[in-house]
Every structure is written in structure tokens, then in C-alpha cells.
N, C-alpha and C. Protein backbone atom coordinates (compact mmCIF):
# COMPACT_ATOMS: atom_id res chain seq x y z
N ASP A 1 29.18 14.03 13.80
CA ASP A 1 28.18 15.07 13.66
C ASP A 1 26.80 14.51 13.99
N TRP A 2 25.94 15.38 14.43
CA TRP A 2 24.58 14.98 14.78
C TRP A 2 23.62 15.79 13.94
N ILE A 3 22.69 15.09 13.29
CA ILE A 3 21.67 15.75 12.48
C ILE A 3 20.32 15.30 12.99
N SER A 4 19.47 16.24 13.28
CA SER A 4 18.10 15.94 13.67
C SER A 4 17.20 16.63 12.66
N HIS A 5 16.45 15.82 11.93
CA HIS A 5 15.62 16.41 10.89
C HIS A 5 14.37 15.56 10.72
N GLU A 6 13.22 16.11 11.00
CA GLU A 6 11.96 15.40 10.85
C GLU A 6 11.36 15.76 9.50
N THR A 7 11.59 14.90 8.53
CA THR A 7 11.12 15.13 7.18
C THR A 7 10.91 13.78 6.51
N ALA A 8 10.42 13.79 5.29
CA ALA A 8 10.19 12.54 4.57
C ALA A 8 11.51 11.77 4.44
N TYR A 9 11.42 10.46 4.51
CA TYR A 9 12.62 9.63 4.59
C TYR A 9 13.61 9.78 3.43
N PRO A 10 13.22 10.13 2.19
CA PRO A 10 14.24 10.25 1.13
C PRO A 10 15.36 11.24 1.45
N PHE A 11 15.12 12.18 2.37
CA PHE A 11 16.16 13.13 2.79
C PHE A 11 17.46 12.40 3.13
N TRP A 12 17.34 11.26 3.82
CA TRP A 12 18.52 10.55 4.33
C TRP A 12 19.31 9.87 3.22
N THR A 13 18.68 9.63 2.08
CA THR A 13 19.37 8.91 1.01
C THR A 13 20.47 9.74 0.36
N ARG A 14 20.51 11.03 0.59
CA ARG A 14 21.54 11.88 -0.01
C ARG A 14 22.91 11.69 0.63
N PHE A 15 22.95 11.07 1.79
CA PHE A 15 24.21 10.88 2.49
C PHE A 15 24.86 9.59 2.00
N GLN A 16 26.06 9.71 1.47
CA GLN A 16 26.77 8.55 0.93
C GLN A 16 27.90 8.10 1.86
N VAL A 17 27.73 8.36 3.13
CA VAL A 17 28.69 7.92 4.15
C VAL A 17 27.94 7.06 5.15
N PRO A 18 28.64 6.25 5.91
CA PRO A 18 27.94 5.44 6.92
C PRO A 18 27.21 6.33 7.93
N LEU A 19 25.97 5.98 8.21
CA LEU A 19 25.15 6.72 9.17
C LEU A 19 24.54 5.76 10.17
N GLU A 20 24.54 6.17 11.42
CA GLU A 20 23.79 5.45 12.45
C GLU A 20 22.56 6.28 12.74
N LEU A 21 21.40 5.75 12.40
CA LEU A 21 20.15 6.47 12.60
C LEU A 21 19.49 5.99 13.89
N HIS A 22 19.14 6.93 14.75
CA HIS A 22 18.48 6.63 16.02
C HIS A 22 17.01 7.01 15.90
N VAL A 23 16.15 6.03 15.98
CA VAL A 23 14.72 6.23 15.81
C VAL A 23 14.05 6.18 17.18
N PRO A 24 13.44 7.30 17.60
CA PRO A 24 12.68 7.27 18.87
C PRO A 24 11.37 6.53 18.64
N CYS A 25 11.14 5.49 19.40
CA CYS A 25 9.95 4.65 19.22
C CYS A 25 8.93 4.89 20.33
N ARG A 26 7.70 5.04 19.89
CA ARG A 26 6.60 5.25 20.84
C ARG A 26 5.66 4.06 20.82
N ASP A 27 4.99 3.84 21.91
CA ASP A 27 3.94 2.86 21.96
C ASP A 27 2.90 3.27 20.91
N PRO A 28 2.47 2.35 20.03
CA PRO A 28 1.56 2.73 18.95
C PRO A 28 0.26 3.38 19.40
N ILE A 29 -0.37 2.85 20.45
CA ILE A 29 -1.65 3.42 20.90
C ILE A 29 -1.44 4.81 21.48
N ASP A 30 -0.42 4.97 22.31
CA ASP A 30 -0.13 6.28 22.90
C ASP A 30 0.18 7.30 21.80
N HIS A 31 0.96 6.89 20.81
CA HIS A 31 1.32 7.79 19.72
C HIS A 31 0.10 8.15 18.88
N LEU A 32 -0.75 7.17 18.59
CA LEU A 32 -1.96 7.43 17.83
C LEU A 32 -2.84 8.45 18.56
N LEU A 33 -3.02 8.26 19.86
CA LEU A 33 -3.86 9.19 20.63
C LEU A 33 -3.23 10.58 20.67
N SER A 34 -1.93 10.66 20.71
CA SER A 34 -1.26 11.96 20.67
C SER A 34 -1.51 12.65 19.33
N GLN A 35 -1.47 11.88 18.25
CA GLN A 35 -1.73 12.45 16.93
C GLN A 35 -3.19 12.90 16.81
N CYS A 36 -4.12 12.10 17.33
CA CYS A 36 -5.54 12.49 17.33
C CYS A 36 -5.70 13.81 18.10
N ASN A 37 -5.04 13.89 19.24
CA ASN A 37 -5.10 15.09 20.07
C ASN A 37 -4.55 16.30 19.31
N HIS A 38 -3.42 16.11 18.65
CA HIS A 38 -2.81 17.20 17.89
C HIS A 38 -3.76 17.72 16.81
N LEU A 39 -4.46 16.80 16.17
CA LEU A 39 -5.41 17.17 15.12
C LEU A 39 -6.78 17.56 15.67
N GLN A 40 -6.90 17.49 16.98
CA GLN A 40 -8.16 17.79 17.69
C GLN A 40 -9.30 16.91 17.17
N ARG A 41 -8.98 15.62 17.02
CA ARG A 41 -9.96 14.62 16.60
C ARG A 41 -10.19 13.65 17.73
N GLU A 42 -11.39 13.19 17.85
CA GLU A 42 -11.71 12.18 18.85
C GLU A 42 -11.80 10.84 18.16
N PHE A 43 -11.13 9.85 18.69
CA PHE A 43 -11.14 8.51 18.12
C PHE A 43 -12.43 7.82 18.56
N ALA A 44 -13.19 7.32 17.60
CA ALA A 44 -14.47 6.66 17.89
C ALA A 44 -14.26 5.15 17.90
N CYS A 45 -14.27 4.56 19.07
CA CYS A 45 -14.05 3.12 19.19
C CYS A 45 -15.21 2.30 18.63
N ASP A 46 -16.35 2.94 18.47
CA ASP A 46 -17.51 2.20 17.96
C ASP A 46 -17.62 2.35 16.44
N GLY A 47 -16.65 3.00 15.81
CA GLY A 47 -16.65 3.16 14.35
C GLY A 47 -15.75 2.13 13.69
N ASP A 48 -15.48 2.33 12.43
CA ASP A 48 -14.54 1.50 11.68
C ASP A 48 -13.14 1.82 12.21
N LEU A 49 -12.54 0.87 12.91
CA LEU A 49 -11.28 1.13 13.61
C LEU A 49 -10.15 1.54 12.67
N VAL A 50 -10.05 0.92 11.51
CA VAL A 50 -8.99 1.28 10.57
C VAL A 50 -9.23 2.70 10.05
N ASN A 51 -10.45 3.01 9.71
CA ASN A 51 -10.77 4.35 9.22
C ASN A 51 -10.50 5.40 10.29
N GLU A 52 -10.91 5.12 11.51
CA GLU A 52 -10.66 6.06 12.61
C GLU A 52 -9.16 6.26 12.82
N THR A 53 -8.40 5.19 12.71
CA THR A 53 -6.94 5.26 12.87
C THR A 53 -6.33 6.12 11.77
N LYS A 54 -6.72 5.87 10.53
CA LYS A 54 -6.17 6.63 9.40
C LYS A 54 -6.43 8.13 9.53
N LYS A 55 -7.55 8.50 10.13
CA LYS A 55 -7.90 9.92 10.28
C LYS A 55 -6.92 10.67 11.18
N CYS A 56 -6.21 9.92 12.01
CA CYS A 56 -5.33 10.57 12.98
C CYS A 56 -3.85 10.54 12.61
N LEU A 57 -3.47 9.71 11.68
CA LEU A 57 -2.05 9.56 11.35
C LEU A 57 -1.48 10.84 10.72
N ILE A 58 -0.31 11.24 11.20
CA ILE A 58 0.35 12.46 10.74
C ILE A 58 1.74 12.12 10.22
N GLU A 59 2.04 12.52 9.01
CA GLU A 59 3.38 12.43 8.42
C GLU A 59 4.06 11.08 8.64
N MET A 60 3.36 10.02 8.30
CA MET A 60 3.94 8.69 8.46
C MET A 60 4.98 8.39 7.38
N ASN A 61 5.25 9.35 6.50
CA ASN A 61 6.27 9.17 5.46
C ASN A 61 7.68 9.52 5.95
N ARG A 62 7.81 9.83 7.23
CA ARG A 62 9.13 10.18 7.74
C ARG A 62 10.00 8.95 7.96
N PHE A 63 9.37 7.78 8.00
CA PHE A 63 10.12 6.54 8.14
C PHE A 63 9.64 5.58 7.07
N ASN A 64 10.57 4.81 6.51
CA ASN A 64 10.22 3.81 5.51
C ASN A 64 11.14 2.62 5.72
N ARG A 65 10.60 1.43 5.54
CA ARG A 65 11.41 0.22 5.77
C ARG A 65 12.63 0.17 4.87
N ASN A 66 12.64 0.91 3.76
CA ASN A 66 13.81 0.93 2.89
C ASN A 66 15.04 1.46 3.61
N LEU A 67 14.85 2.28 4.62
CA LEU A 67 15.99 2.79 5.38
C LEU A 67 16.79 1.64 5.99
N THR A 68 16.13 0.56 6.33
CA THR A 68 16.81 -0.58 6.96
C THR A 68 17.57 -1.42 5.94
N ARG A 69 17.36 -1.17 4.66
CA ARG A 69 17.97 -2.00 3.61
C ARG A 69 19.22 -1.38 3.00
N TRP A 70 19.49 -0.11 3.25
CA TRP A 70 20.66 0.52 2.66
C TRP A 70 21.90 0.15 3.46
N SER A 71 22.94 -0.23 2.75
CA SER A 71 24.12 -0.79 3.39
C SER A 71 24.89 0.22 4.24
N ASN A 72 24.74 1.51 3.98
CA ASN A 72 25.49 2.49 4.78
C ASN A 72 24.68 3.01 5.97
N PHE A 73 23.49 2.45 6.21
CA PHE A 73 22.66 2.87 7.35
C PHE A 73 22.68 1.80 8.44
N TYR A 74 22.90 2.23 9.64
CA TYR A 74 22.84 1.36 10.80
C TYR A 74 21.69 1.87 11.66
N MET A 75 20.64 1.10 11.71
CA MET A 75 19.41 1.54 12.37
C MET A 75 19.41 1.12 13.83
N LYS A 76 19.19 2.09 14.71
CA LYS A 76 19.05 1.86 16.14
C LYS A 76 17.73 2.47 16.58
N CYS A 77 17.23 2.00 17.68
CA CYS A 77 15.98 2.55 18.21
C CYS A 77 16.12 2.79 19.70
N TYR A 78 15.19 3.55 20.24
CA TYR A 78 15.15 3.74 21.68
C TYR A 78 13.75 4.18 22.08
N ASP A 79 13.41 3.89 23.30
CA ASP A 79 12.13 4.32 23.87
C ASP A 79 12.14 5.84 23.88
N TRP A 80 11.18 6.45 23.22
CA TRP A 80 11.16 7.91 23.05
C TRP A 80 11.22 8.66 24.37
N ARG A 81 10.78 8.03 25.45
CA ARG A 81 10.81 8.71 26.77
C ARG A 81 12.23 9.05 27.19
N ALA A 82 13.23 8.32 26.63
CA ALA A 82 14.63 8.60 26.96
C ALA A 82 15.05 10.00 26.50
N GLY A 83 14.33 10.55 25.56
CA GLY A 83 14.62 11.92 25.12
C GLY A 83 14.15 12.97 26.09
N PHE A 84 13.29 12.57 27.03
CA PHE A 84 12.74 13.52 27.99
C PHE A 84 13.32 13.35 29.39
N ASP A 85 13.81 12.16 29.70
CA ASP A 85 14.30 11.94 31.06
C ASP A 85 15.83 12.03 31.17
N GLY A 86 16.49 12.42 30.07
CA GLY A 86 17.93 12.64 30.11
C GLY A 86 18.77 11.46 29.67
N ARG A 87 18.19 10.27 29.54
CA ARG A 87 18.99 9.10 29.16
C ARG A 87 19.63 9.26 27.78
N TYR A 88 18.88 9.77 26.81
CA TYR A 88 19.43 9.89 25.46
C TYR A 88 20.56 10.93 25.43
N LEU A 89 20.38 12.05 26.10
CA LEU A 89 21.45 13.06 26.15
C LEU A 89 22.70 12.50 26.81
N ARG A 90 22.52 11.73 27.88
CA ARG A 90 23.68 11.12 28.54
C ARG A 90 24.35 10.13 27.60
N TYR A 91 23.55 9.33 26.89
CA TYR A 91 24.10 8.35 25.96
C TYR A 91 24.93 9.04 24.88
N MET A 92 24.42 10.14 24.33
CA MET A 92 25.10 10.83 23.24
C MET A 92 26.25 11.71 23.72
N SER A 93 26.30 12.03 24.99
CA SER A 93 27.27 13.01 25.48
C SER A 93 28.72 12.63 25.23
N ASP A 94 29.04 11.35 25.22
CA ASP A 94 30.43 10.97 24.98
C ASP A 94 30.68 10.51 23.54
N LYS A 95 29.68 10.68 22.69
CA LYS A 95 29.82 10.27 21.30
C LYS A 95 30.02 11.45 20.34
N LEU A 96 29.70 12.62 20.79
CA LEU A 96 29.82 13.82 19.96
C LEU A 96 30.75 14.81 20.63
N GLN A 97 31.41 15.62 19.83
CA GLN A 97 32.22 16.66 20.45
C GLN A 97 31.28 17.77 20.94
N ARG A 98 31.68 18.41 21.99
CA ARG A 98 30.87 19.47 22.58
C ARG A 98 30.80 20.67 21.66
N ARG A 99 29.67 21.34 21.71
CA ARG A 99 29.53 22.60 20.97
C ARG A 99 30.45 23.64 21.58
N ARG A 100 30.88 24.55 20.74
CA ARG A 100 31.70 25.64 21.27
C ARG A 100 30.87 26.52 22.18
N LYS A 101 29.64 26.80 21.76
CA LYS A 101 28.71 27.57 22.58
C LYS A 101 27.57 26.65 22.97
N GLN A 102 27.42 26.45 24.24
CA GLN A 102 26.37 25.55 24.69
C GLN A 102 25.23 26.34 25.31
N GLY A 103 24.05 25.91 24.99
CA GLY A 103 22.86 26.51 25.58
C GLY A 103 22.06 25.43 26.28
N ALA A 104 21.11 25.86 27.04
CA ALA A 104 20.25 24.91 27.74
C ALA A 104 19.30 24.25 26.75
N SER A 105 19.01 22.99 27.00
CA SER A 105 18.02 22.28 26.20
C SER A 105 16.64 22.75 26.64
N VAL A 106 15.81 23.13 25.69
CA VAL A 106 14.50 23.69 26.02
C VAL A 106 13.41 22.83 25.40
N PHE A 107 12.45 22.41 26.20
CA PHE A 107 11.32 21.63 25.71
C PHE A 107 10.28 22.58 25.14
N ARG A 108 9.81 22.27 23.95
CA ARG A 108 8.76 23.07 23.31
C ARG A 108 7.56 22.17 23.06
N ALA A 109 6.53 22.33 23.82
CA ALA A 109 5.33 21.51 23.66
C ALA A 109 4.65 21.85 22.34
N THR A 110 4.21 20.82 21.64
CA THR A 110 3.50 21.02 20.38
C THR A 110 2.09 20.47 20.45
N ASN A 111 1.67 20.08 21.62
CA ASN A 111 0.37 19.46 21.76
C ASN A 111 -0.31 19.97 23.03
N HIS A 112 -1.62 19.94 23.02
CA HIS A 112 -2.38 20.27 24.23
C HIS A 112 -2.42 19.05 25.14
N GLY A 113 -2.67 19.27 26.41
CA GLY A 113 -2.80 18.17 27.34
C GLY A 113 -3.90 17.22 26.88
N ARG A 114 -3.71 15.95 27.14
CA ARG A 114 -4.67 14.95 26.69
C ARG A 114 -5.29 14.27 27.89
N GLY A 115 -6.60 14.16 27.88
CA GLY A 115 -7.30 13.45 28.94
C GLY A 115 -7.01 11.96 28.87
N ARG A 116 -7.11 11.29 29.97
CA ARG A 116 -6.83 9.85 30.01
C ARG A 116 -8.12 9.04 29.80
N ASP A 117 -9.18 9.69 29.31
CA ASP A 117 -10.44 8.98 29.13
C ASP A 117 -10.71 8.60 27.68
N ALA A 118 -9.74 8.71 26.81
CA ALA A 118 -9.94 8.33 25.42
C ALA A 118 -10.41 6.88 25.36
N CYS A 119 -11.33 6.59 24.46
CA CYS A 119 -11.93 5.27 24.44
C CYS A 119 -10.91 4.15 24.25
N LEU A 120 -9.82 4.40 23.53
CA LEU A 120 -8.83 3.35 23.34
C LEU A 120 -8.12 2.98 24.64
N LEU A 121 -8.11 3.89 25.59
CA LEU A 121 -7.48 3.58 26.87
C LEU A 121 -8.39 2.76 27.77
N THR A 122 -9.69 2.90 27.56
CA THR A 122 -10.65 2.20 28.41
C THR A 122 -11.33 1.05 27.67
N ALA A 123 -11.07 0.90 26.37
CA ALA A 123 -11.71 -0.14 25.57
C ALA A 123 -11.20 -1.53 25.96
N ALA A 124 -11.94 -2.52 25.53
CA ALA A 124 -11.52 -3.90 25.75
C ALA A 124 -10.17 -4.12 25.08
N PRO A 125 -9.33 -4.97 25.67
CA PRO A 125 -8.03 -5.23 25.07
C PRO A 125 -8.12 -5.66 23.61
N SER A 126 -9.18 -6.35 23.23
CA SER A 126 -9.31 -6.79 21.84
C SER A 126 -9.39 -5.60 20.88
N VAL A 127 -10.02 -4.50 21.30
CA VAL A 127 -10.12 -3.30 20.46
C VAL A 127 -8.74 -2.66 20.34
N ARG A 128 -8.06 -2.48 21.47
CA ARG A 128 -6.71 -1.90 21.44
C ARG A 128 -5.77 -2.76 20.59
N ASN A 129 -5.87 -4.08 20.76
CA ASN A 129 -4.99 -4.98 20.02
C ASN A 129 -5.25 -4.93 18.52
N LYS A 130 -6.51 -4.79 18.10
CA LYS A 130 -6.82 -4.68 16.67
C LYS A 130 -6.16 -3.44 16.09
N VAL A 131 -6.28 -2.33 16.79
CA VAL A 131 -5.69 -1.08 16.31
C VAL A 131 -4.17 -1.19 16.29
N LYS A 132 -3.60 -1.70 17.37
CA LYS A 132 -2.14 -1.83 17.45
C LYS A 132 -1.63 -2.77 16.36
N ASP A 133 -2.30 -3.90 16.17
CA ASP A 133 -1.87 -4.85 15.14
C ASP A 133 -1.91 -4.22 13.76
N TRP A 134 -2.97 -3.45 13.48
CA TRP A 134 -3.07 -2.80 12.18
C TRP A 134 -1.93 -1.80 11.99
N LEU A 135 -1.63 -1.02 13.02
CA LEU A 135 -0.54 -0.04 12.93
C LEU A 135 0.80 -0.73 12.67
N VAL A 136 1.08 -1.80 13.41
CA VAL A 136 2.36 -2.51 13.26
C VAL A 136 2.49 -3.13 11.87
N LYS A 137 1.39 -3.66 11.35
CA LYS A 137 1.44 -4.32 10.04
C LYS A 137 1.41 -3.34 8.87
N SER A 138 0.77 -2.21 9.02
CA SER A 138 0.57 -1.33 7.87
C SER A 138 1.48 -0.10 7.85
N GLN A 139 2.07 0.25 8.96
CA GLN A 139 2.91 1.45 9.03
C GLN A 139 4.35 1.04 9.33
N ASP A 140 5.26 1.35 8.42
CA ASP A 140 6.66 0.93 8.56
C ASP A 140 7.28 1.34 9.89
N TYR A 141 6.97 2.54 10.35
CA TYR A 141 7.55 3.03 11.62
C TYR A 141 7.21 2.10 12.77
N TYR A 142 5.93 1.78 12.93
CA TYR A 142 5.52 0.92 14.05
C TYR A 142 6.04 -0.49 13.90
N GLY A 143 6.11 -1.00 12.66
CA GLY A 143 6.67 -2.32 12.44
C GLY A 143 8.13 -2.38 12.82
N PHE A 144 8.90 -1.35 12.40
CA PHE A 144 10.31 -1.30 12.76
C PHE A 144 10.47 -1.25 14.28
N CYS A 145 9.73 -0.37 14.92
CA CYS A 145 9.86 -0.23 16.37
C CYS A 145 9.46 -1.50 17.10
N ASN A 146 8.44 -2.18 16.61
CA ASN A 146 7.99 -3.42 17.23
C ASN A 146 9.10 -4.48 17.20
N ARG A 147 9.84 -4.52 16.09
CA ARG A 147 10.95 -5.49 15.97
C ARG A 147 12.20 -5.01 16.71
N CYS A 148 12.40 -3.72 16.81
CA CYS A 148 13.67 -3.18 17.33
C CYS A 148 13.70 -3.04 18.85
N ILE A 149 12.63 -2.53 19.45
CA ILE A 149 12.63 -2.33 20.90
C ILE A 149 12.82 -3.69 21.58
N GLY A 150 13.82 -3.76 22.45
CA GLY A 150 14.14 -5.00 23.14
C GLY A 150 15.16 -5.85 22.41
N SER A 151 15.56 -5.43 21.20
CA SER A 151 16.55 -6.19 20.42
C SER A 151 17.95 -5.65 20.69
N LYS A 152 18.94 -6.23 20.02
CA LYS A 152 20.32 -5.75 20.17
C LYS A 152 20.50 -4.35 19.60
N ASN A 153 19.56 -3.88 18.79
CA ASN A 153 19.64 -2.53 18.22
C ASN A 153 18.92 -1.48 19.05
N ASP A 154 18.37 -1.87 20.17
CA ASP A 154 17.73 -0.94 21.10
C ASP A 154 18.84 -0.30 21.93
N LEU A 155 18.97 1.01 21.84
CA LEU A 155 20.05 1.69 22.57
C LEU A 155 20.01 1.44 24.06
N PHE A 156 18.85 1.18 24.60
CA PHE A 156 18.72 1.00 26.05
C PHE A 156 18.24 -0.40 26.43
N GLN A 157 18.07 -1.27 25.46
CA GLN A 157 17.71 -2.67 25.70
C GLN A 157 16.51 -2.84 26.63
N HIS A 158 15.47 -2.00 26.44
CA HIS A 158 14.28 -2.11 27.27
C HIS A 158 13.41 -3.25 26.83
N GLN A 159 12.54 -3.66 27.71
CA GLN A 159 11.55 -4.66 27.34
C GLN A 159 10.57 -4.03 26.36
N ARG A 160 9.83 -4.88 25.70
CA ARG A 160 8.83 -4.40 24.74
C ARG A 160 7.80 -3.53 25.42
N PHE A 161 7.13 -2.70 24.60
CA PHE A 161 6.03 -1.88 25.12
C PHE A 161 4.95 -2.79 25.67
N PRO A 162 4.21 -2.34 26.67
CA PRO A 162 3.13 -3.17 27.21
C PRO A 162 2.06 -3.45 26.16
N ALA A 163 1.43 -4.62 26.28
CA ALA A 163 0.38 -5.02 25.32
C ALA A 163 -0.85 -4.18 25.50
């Protein structure tokens, strides 16, 4: 069976059977800018970087490192782009039984288009690296993805996200 549910992580603890959880991982800077865009906030590179970062984070309680510690959970990750280019659907196609009634997969945008001029994209690498390092160290989701992408638990064994 396949369950897709974006909610706080304790939801998963109710399952007392072995589960393989597939976590779509995004590049931390790209994901942060997407969240800022969703909240219609502009990230100020000349401000307190940690404070600016915290202003944009959305629902970071959906993942918790405790998920990796439960014996019935098998954690896997994949580059989130695989969900848009067909790789993830192809990967799952032989692992699940087909639905009796199949419909077309429909993309539903939840964000407005984002300009490529955000200061984090044009800032010095040291600024981007400070923000990325803080995200990886302080947010369980980014820490997990940083360790998982490129590891044996990466469904597609891709190289790490660019620095």
C-alpha cells in the first residue's frame, strides 16, 4: 500500500508494521527560497541570516530525526525532482499493485513563480553556506537529506546537491 500524507511526524508512529518511508529531499537554499516565496516574504541577505531563515520556514515538524530510530521504519530518500520528471513514478510502478480505476496524474501548483534574483542566489558563497549550514544543523529534515542523498538509502543514488 502507498500512503502520502504531509502532516506532523507523529502520524507515522501509529503504524506498528514495517514501513519504508520515502522522503523527497530538496536543496536547502532552493527550498528555503520556495518557502519565502510561498509566504510572500523577501529574504534579506544583509539582515540576521538565522532570523531571516526562521521567518520563512513552513511546517518543519513534518520530519523528525526520531523517525530514523524506530526499528520498523526504513528511511529512504530521493531528489525531489524525481517526482516531477517521472523517475519516482517509474520506480514505484512495479512495487505497488495497480489501481482498479486509474486517472491521470495532475500537477497542482501551490506557489507563484519565483524570480531568480533573490539575494541568496546572487550572494557570496559564504552567505549561502552559512544559511545552508544552519539549516542542515538545526532542522532535522535538511540534516537527514544531507546524510541520505548520495548514500545507499538514496533511491536514485545521485550525487550530493551542489554547494
